[in-house]
Amino acid sequence: MLETLVFYLLSGIAIVASALVVGQRNPMYSVLLIIASFGALAGLYIQLDAPFVAVAQIIIYAGAIMVLFLFVVMLLNAPQEDAADWDRAHPLRRPAIARFGSLLALLLVVELAWALISASGVDAPVAAGGVAPDIGSVRALGRVLFVDYVFAFEATSVLILVAMVGAVVLARRDDS
């Protein structure tokens, strides 16, 4: 009973915080709300007996990525949106873009339904000795990440570094 209550509480926090991220006019509030959403997701991972994924969620997303978002938002000094600017010439007010967004949302719902239906009958693979293989361990994840996909891992690091340098260059004020 308590686990169900905690699940609904964490799910509600994640859903409400994620919905409010999109609806905020102040970007700093959006960043803080997405951190709350990531925290609720980490709590859900703990309920699923996945403590490594929960800690990775907190360290990687709520820690590193959100610090990067805060850095960019504060660096760019993004002002609060005005309602008048939204009503006049916002690109989402165009019917073609609204239809395209609705089509993408429908495609997402279809894909999620297909994934849930196809995954409902799949069991975990079992080795010949009757023991499940070591697919969920931290050692196996580290080996795959740092041996098999080391180039992609390092390329992503360089890409994030280039994006940060680009944000600094774009946000630089020209005093001349």
C-alpha atoms as a PDB file:
ATOM      1  CA  MET A   1       0.000   0.000   0.000  1.00  0.00           C
ATOM      2  CA  LEU A   2       2.793   2.413   0.922  1.00  0.00           C
ATOM      3  CA  GLU A   3       4.750   1.605  -2.261  1.00  0.00           C
ATOM      4  CA  THR A   4       1.688   2.349  -4.374  1.00  0.00           C
ATOM      5  CA  LEU A   5       1.154   5.669  -2.621  1.00  0.00           C
ATOM      6  CA  VAL A   6       4.800   6.651  -3.086  1.00  0.00           C
ATOM      7  CA  PHE A   7       4.613   5.609  -6.755  1.00  0.00           C
ATOM      8  CA  TYR A   8       1.570   7.789  -7.404  1.00  0.00           C
ATOM      9  CA  LEU A   9       3.123  10.704  -5.508  1.00  0.00           C
ATOM     10  CA  LEU A  10       6.420  10.537  -7.423  1.00  0.00           C
ATOM     11  CA  SER A  11       4.627  10.019 -10.731  1.00  0.00           C
ATOM     12  CA  GLY A  12       2.398  13.008 -10.068  1.00  0.00           C
ATOM     13  CA  ILE A  13       5.379  15.184  -9.198  1.00  0.00           C
ATOM     14  CA  ALA A  14       7.200  14.097 -12.373  1.00  0.00           C
ATOM     15  CA  ILE A  15       4.178  14.722 -14.599  1.00  0.00           C
ATOM     16  CA  VAL A  16       3.210  18.082 -13.088  1.00  0.00           C
ATOM     17  CA  ALA A  17       6.799  19.368 -12.998  1.00  0.00           C
ATOM     18  CA  SER A  18       7.384  18.272 -16.605  1.00  0.00           C
ATOM     19  CA  ALA A  19       4.195  19.964 -17.761  1.00  0.00           C
ATOM     20  CA  LEU A  20       5.075  23.155 -15.906  1.00  0.00           C
ATOM     21  CA  VAL A  21       8.546  23.216 -17.496  1.00  0.00           C
ATOM     22  CA  VAL A  22       6.942  23.870 -20.863  1.00  0.00           C
ATOM     23  CA  GLY A  23       4.475  26.437 -19.537  1.00  0.00           C
ATOM     24  CA  GLN A  24       6.868  28.688 -17.619  1.00  0.00           C
ATOM     25  CA  ARG A  25       7.712  32.133 -18.924  1.00  0.00           C
ATOM     26  CA  ASN A  26      10.849  32.446 -16.806  1.00  0.00           C
ATOM     27  CA  PRO A  27      13.614  30.051 -17.968  1.00  0.00           C
ATOM     28  CA  MET A  28      15.117  29.814 -14.463  1.00  0.00           C
ATOM     29  CA  TYR A  29      11.856  28.372 -13.135  1.00  0.00           C
ATOM     30  CA  SER A  30      11.841  25.891 -16.010  1.00  0.00           C
ATOM     31  CA  VAL A  31      15.308  24.666 -15.080  1.00  0.00           C
ATOM     32  CA  LEU A  32      14.337  24.286 -11.421  1.00  0.00           C
ATOM     33  CA  LEU A  33      11.168  22.404 -12.346  1.00  0.00           C
ATOM     34  CA  ILE A  34      13.038  20.003 -14.596  1.00  0.00           C
ATOM     35  CA  ILE A  35      15.422  19.285 -11.701  1.00  0.00           C
ATOM     36  CA  ALA A  36      12.354  18.410  -9.597  1.00  0.00           C
ATOM     37  CA  SER A  37      11.138  16.137 -12.384  1.00  0.00           C
ATOM     38  CA  PHE A  38      14.529  14.392 -12.544  1.00  0.00           C
ATOM     39  CA  GLY A  39      14.442  13.904  -8.766  1.00  0.00           C
ATOM     40  CA  ALA A  40      11.013  12.286  -8.954  1.00  0.00           C
ATOM     41  CA  LEU A  41      12.234  10.000 -11.746  1.00  0.00           C
ATOM     42  CA  ALA A  42      15.191   8.989  -9.585  1.00  0.00           C
ATOM     43  CA  GLY A  43      12.728   8.071  -6.844  1.00  0.00           C
ATOM     44  CA  LEU A  44      10.800   5.919  -9.316  1.00  0.00           C
ATOM     45  CA  TYR A  45      14.025   4.174 -10.327  1.00  0.00           C
ATOM     46  CA  ILE A  46      14.720   3.405  -6.664  1.00  0.00           C
ATOM     47  CA  GLN A  47      11.264   1.844  -6.413  1.00  0.00           C
ATOM     48  CA  LEU A  48      12.144  -0.323  -9.414  1.00  0.00           C
ATOM     49  CA  ASP A  49      15.227  -1.649  -7.545  1.00  0.00           C
ATOM     50  CA  ALA A  50      17.577   0.184  -9.911  1.00  0.00           C
ATOM     51  CA  PRO A  51      19.724   2.239  -7.533  1.00  0.00           C
ATOM     52  CA  PHE A  52      22.564   2.688 -10.032  1.00  0.00           C
ATOM     53  CA  VAL A  53      20.214   4.224 -12.596  1.00  0.00           C
ATOM     54  CA  ALA A  54      18.729   6.461  -9.886  1.00  0.00           C
ATOM     55  CA  VAL A  55      22.139   7.717  -8.797  1.00  0.00           C
ATOM     56  CA  ALA A  56      23.199   8.179 -12.425  1.00  0.00           C
ATOM     57  CA  GLN A  57      19.976  10.151 -13.005  1.00  0.00           C
ATOM     58  CA  ILE A  58      20.821  12.493 -10.144  1.00  0.00           C
ATOM     59  CA  ILE A  59      24.535  12.846 -10.906  1.00  0.00           C
ATOM     60  CA  ILE A  60      24.353  13.109 -14.680  1.00  0.00           C
ATOM     61  CA  TYR A  61      21.067  14.881 -15.331  1.00  0.00           C
ATOM     62  CA  ALA A  62      20.212  16.846 -12.205  1.00  0.00           C
ATOM     63  CA  GLY A  63      23.880  17.526 -11.555  1.00  0.00           C
ATOM     64  CA  ALA A  64      25.880  18.024 -14.710  1.00  0.00           C
ATOM     65  CA  ILE A  65      23.319  18.691 -17.439  1.00  0.00           C
ATOM     66  CA  MET A  66      21.214  21.050 -15.323  1.00  0.00           C
ATOM     67  CA  VAL A  67      24.307  22.988 -14.280  1.00  0.00           C
ATOM     68  CA  LEU A  68      25.066  23.350 -17.982  1.00  0.00           C
ATOM     69  CA  PHE A  69      21.487  24.538 -18.629  1.00  0.00           C
ATOM     70  CA  LEU A  70      21.692  27.034 -15.768  1.00  0.00           C
ATOM     71  CA  PHE A  71      25.036  28.242 -17.073  1.00  0.00           C
ATOM     72  CA  VAL A  72      23.647  28.813 -20.568  1.00  0.00           C
ATOM     73  CA  VAL A  73      20.428  30.456 -19.318  1.00  0.00           C
ATOM     74  CA  MET A  74      22.342  32.799 -17.039  1.00  0.00           C
ATOM     75  CA  LEU A  75      24.998  33.444 -19.686  1.00  0.00           C
ATOM     76  CA  LEU A  76      22.486  34.334 -22.355  1.00  0.00           C
ATOM     77  CA  ASN A  77      20.482  36.395 -19.852  1.00  0.00           C
ATOM     78  CA  ALA A  78      17.227  35.231 -21.427  1.00  0.00           C
ATOM     79  CA  PRO A  79      14.450  37.645 -20.542  1.00  0.00           C
ATOM     80  CA  GLN A  80      10.923  36.758 -19.573  1.00  0.00           C
ATOM     81  CA  GLU A  81       8.591  36.193 -22.502  1.00  0.00           C
ATOM     82  CA  ASP A  82       5.911  38.757 -23.184  1.00  0.00           C
ATOM     83  CA  ALA A  83       2.377  37.627 -23.924  1.00  0.00           C
ATOM     84  CA  ALA A  84       2.065  40.242 -26.664  1.00  0.00           C
ATOM     85  CA  ASP A  85       5.058  38.825 -28.530  1.00  0.00           C
ATOM     86  CA  TRP A  86       3.536  35.341 -28.324  1.00  0.00           C
ATOM     87  CA  ASP A  87       0.190  36.443 -29.693  1.00  0.00           C
ATOM     88  CA  ARG A  88       1.592  38.409 -32.620  1.00  0.00           C
ATOM     89  CA  ALA A  89       4.225  36.484 -34.471  1.00  0.00           C
ATOM     90  CA  HIS A  90       5.050  33.262 -32.687  1.00  0.00           C
ATOM     91  CA  PRO A  91       5.833  30.478 -35.177  1.00  0.00           C
ATOM     92  CA  LEU A  92       3.618  27.993 -33.329  1.00  0.00           C
ATOM     93  CA  ARG A  93       0.609  30.137 -34.180  1.00  0.00           C
ATOM     94  CA  ARG A  94       0.917  29.104 -37.834  1.00  0.00           C
ATOM     95  CA  PRO A  95      -1.524  26.318 -38.776  1.00  0.00           C
ATOM     96  CA  ALA A  96       1.001  24.239 -40.741  1.00  0.00           C
ATOM     97  CA  ILE A  97       3.415  24.069 -37.817  1.00  0.00           C
ATOM     98  CA  ALA A  98       0.583  23.280 -35.405  1.00  0.00           C
ATOM     99  CA  ARG A  99      -0.564  20.406 -37.642  1.00  0.00           C
ATOM    100  CA  PHE A 100       2.988  19.081 -37.904  1.00  0.00           C
ATOM    101  CA  GLY A 101       3.347  19.195 -34.109  1.00  0.00           C
ATOM    102  CA  SER A 102       0.038  17.377 -33.681  1.00  0.00           C
ATOM    103  CA  LEU A 103       1.166  14.722 -36.161  1.00  0.00           C
ATOM    104  CA  LEU A 104       4.404  14.219 -34.232  1.00  0.00           C
ATOM    105  CA  ALA A 105       2.475  13.916 -30.971  1.00  0.00           C
ATOM    106  CA  LEU A 106       0.171  11.308 -32.515  1.00  0.00           C
ATOM    107  CA  LEU A 107       3.193   9.421 -33.847  1.00  0.00           C
ATOM    108  CA  LEU A 108       4.712   9.426 -30.357  1.00  0.00           C
ATOM    109  CA  VAL A 109       1.525   7.979 -28.843  1.00  0.00           C
ATOM    110  CA  VAL A 110       1.397   5.250 -31.508  1.00  0.00           C
ATOM    111  CA  GLU A 111       5.059   4.405 -30.925  1.00  0.00           C
ATOM    112  CA  LEU A 112       4.589   4.212 -27.156  1.00  0.00           C
ATOM    113  CA  ALA A 113       1.546   1.975 -27.557  1.00  0.00           C
ATOM    114  CA  TRP A 114       3.449  -0.298 -29.953  1.00  0.00           C
ATOM    115  CA  ALA A 115       6.428  -0.494 -27.541  1.00  0.00           C
ATOM    116  CA  LEU A 116       4.190  -1.369 -24.598  1.00  0.00           C
ATOM    117  CA  ILE A 117       2.275  -4.006 -26.534  1.00  0.00           C
ATOM    118  CA  SER A 118       5.399  -5.647 -27.985  1.00  0.00           C
ATOM    119  CA  ALA A 119       7.279  -5.593 -24.665  1.00  0.00           C
ATOM    120  CA  SER A 120       4.445  -7.123 -22.649  1.00  0.00           C
ATOM    121  CA  GLY A 121       5.145 -10.679 -23.803  1.00  0.00           C
ATOM    122  CA  VAL A 122       8.957 -10.559 -23.666  1.00  0.00           C
ATOM    123  CA  ASP A 123      10.695 -12.409 -20.847  1.00  0.00           C
ATOM    124  CA  ALA A 124      14.246 -11.833 -19.673  1.00  0.00           C
ATOM    125  CA  PRO A 125      16.792 -14.024 -21.482  1.00  0.00           C
ATOM    126  CA  VAL A 126      18.033 -16.990 -19.494  1.00  0.00           C
ATOM    127  CA  ALA A 127      21.384 -18.676 -20.000  1.00  0.00           C
ATOM    128  CA  ALA A 128      21.785 -22.429 -20.475  1.00  0.00           C
ATOM    129  CA  GLY A 129      22.387 -23.015 -16.746  1.00  0.00           C
ATOM    130  CA  GLY A 130      19.071 -21.401 -15.819  1.00  0.00           C
ATOM    131  CA  VAL A 131      20.721 -18.188 -14.572  1.00  0.00           C
ATOM    132  CA  ALA A 132      19.982 -14.832 -16.144  1.00  0.00           C
ATOM    133  CA  PRO A 133      23.007 -13.269 -17.843  1.00  0.00           C
ATOM    134  CA  ASP A 134      24.840 -10.358 -16.263  1.00  0.00           C
ATOM    135  CA  ILE A 135      23.190  -7.642 -18.363  1.00  0.00           C
ATOM    136  CA  GLY A 136      22.249  -5.191 -15.641  1.00  0.00           C
ATOM    137  CA  SER A 137      25.471  -4.888 -13.680  1.00  0.00           C
ATOM    138  CA  VAL A 138      27.575  -1.767 -13.398  1.00  0.00           C
ATOM    139  CA  ARG A 139      30.629  -3.713 -14.574  1.00  0.00           C
ATOM    140  CA  ALA A 140      28.887  -4.779 -17.795  1.00  0.00           C
ATOM    141  CA  LEU A 141      27.656  -1.228 -18.417  1.00  0.00           C
ATOM    142  CA  GLY A 142      31.109   0.243 -17.849  1.00  0.00           C
ATOM    143  CA  ARG A 143      32.729  -2.336 -20.110  1.00  0.00           C
ATOM    144  CA  VAL A 144      30.292  -1.633 -22.937  1.00  0.00           C
ATOM    145  CA  LEU A 145      30.546   2.135 -22.512  1.00  0.00           C
ATOM    146  CA  PHE A 146      34.312   2.470 -22.171  1.00  0.00           C
ATOM    147  CA  VAL A 147      35.469  -0.410 -24.405  1.00  0.00           C
ATOM    148  CA  ASP A 148      32.902  -0.980 -27.133  1.00  0.00           C
ATOM    149  CA  TYR A 149      31.591   2.593 -27.474  1.00  0.00           C
ATOM    150  CA  VAL A 150      34.596   4.640 -26.348  1.00  0.00           C
ATOM    151  CA  PHE A 151      34.691   6.695 -29.570  1.00  0.00           C
ATOM    152  CA  ALA A 152      31.017   7.669 -29.299  1.00  0.00           C
ATOM    153  CA  PHE A 153      31.491   8.506 -25.618  1.00  0.00           C
ATOM    154  CA  GLU A 154      34.469  10.771 -26.301  1.00  0.00           C
ATOM    155  CA  ALA A 155      32.836  12.318 -29.377  1.00  0.00           C
ATOM    156  CA  THR A 156      29.836  13.266 -27.231  1.00  0.00           C
ATOM    157  CA  SER A 157      32.158  14.880 -24.689  1.00  0.00           C
ATOM    158  CA  VAL A 158      33.835  16.948 -27.408  1.00  0.00           C
ATOM    159  CA  LEU A 159      30.436  17.902 -28.856  1.00  0.00           C
ATOM    160  CA  ILE A 160      29.236  19.200 -25.482  1.00  0.00           C
ATOM    161  CA  LEU A 161      32.478  21.147 -25.039  1.00  0.00           C
ATOM    162  CA  VAL A 162      32.115  22.738 -28.485  1.00  0.00           C
ATOM    163  CA  ALA A 163      28.499  23.651 -27.696  1.00  0.00           C
ATOM    164  CA  MET A 164      29.582  25.370 -24.474  1.00  0.00           C
ATOM    165  CA  VAL A 165      32.311  27.334 -26.259  1.00  0.00           C
ATOM    166  CA  GLY A 166      29.798  28.287 -28.970  1.00  0.00           C
ATOM    167  CA  ALA A 167      27.336  29.523 -26.343  1.00  0.00           C
ATOM    168  CA  VAL A 168      30.050  31.661 -24.746  1.00  0.00           C
ATOM    169  CA  VAL A 169      31.054  33.127 -28.117  1.00  0.00           C
ATOM    170  CA  LEU A 170      27.445  33.853 -29.106  1.00  0.00           C
ATOM    171  CA  ALA A 171      26.605  35.445 -25.746  1.00  0.00           C
ATOM    172  CA  ARG A 172      29.712  37.623 -25.674  1.00  0.00           C
ATOM    173  CA  ARG A 173      28.910  41.301 -25.697  1.00  0.00           C
ATOM    174  CA  ASP A 174      30.692  43.378 -28.293  1.00  0.00           C
ATOM    175  CA  ASP A 175      31.810  46.640 -26.662  1.00  0.00           C
ATOM    176  CA  SER A 176      32.942  48.305 -29.874  1.00  0.00           C
END
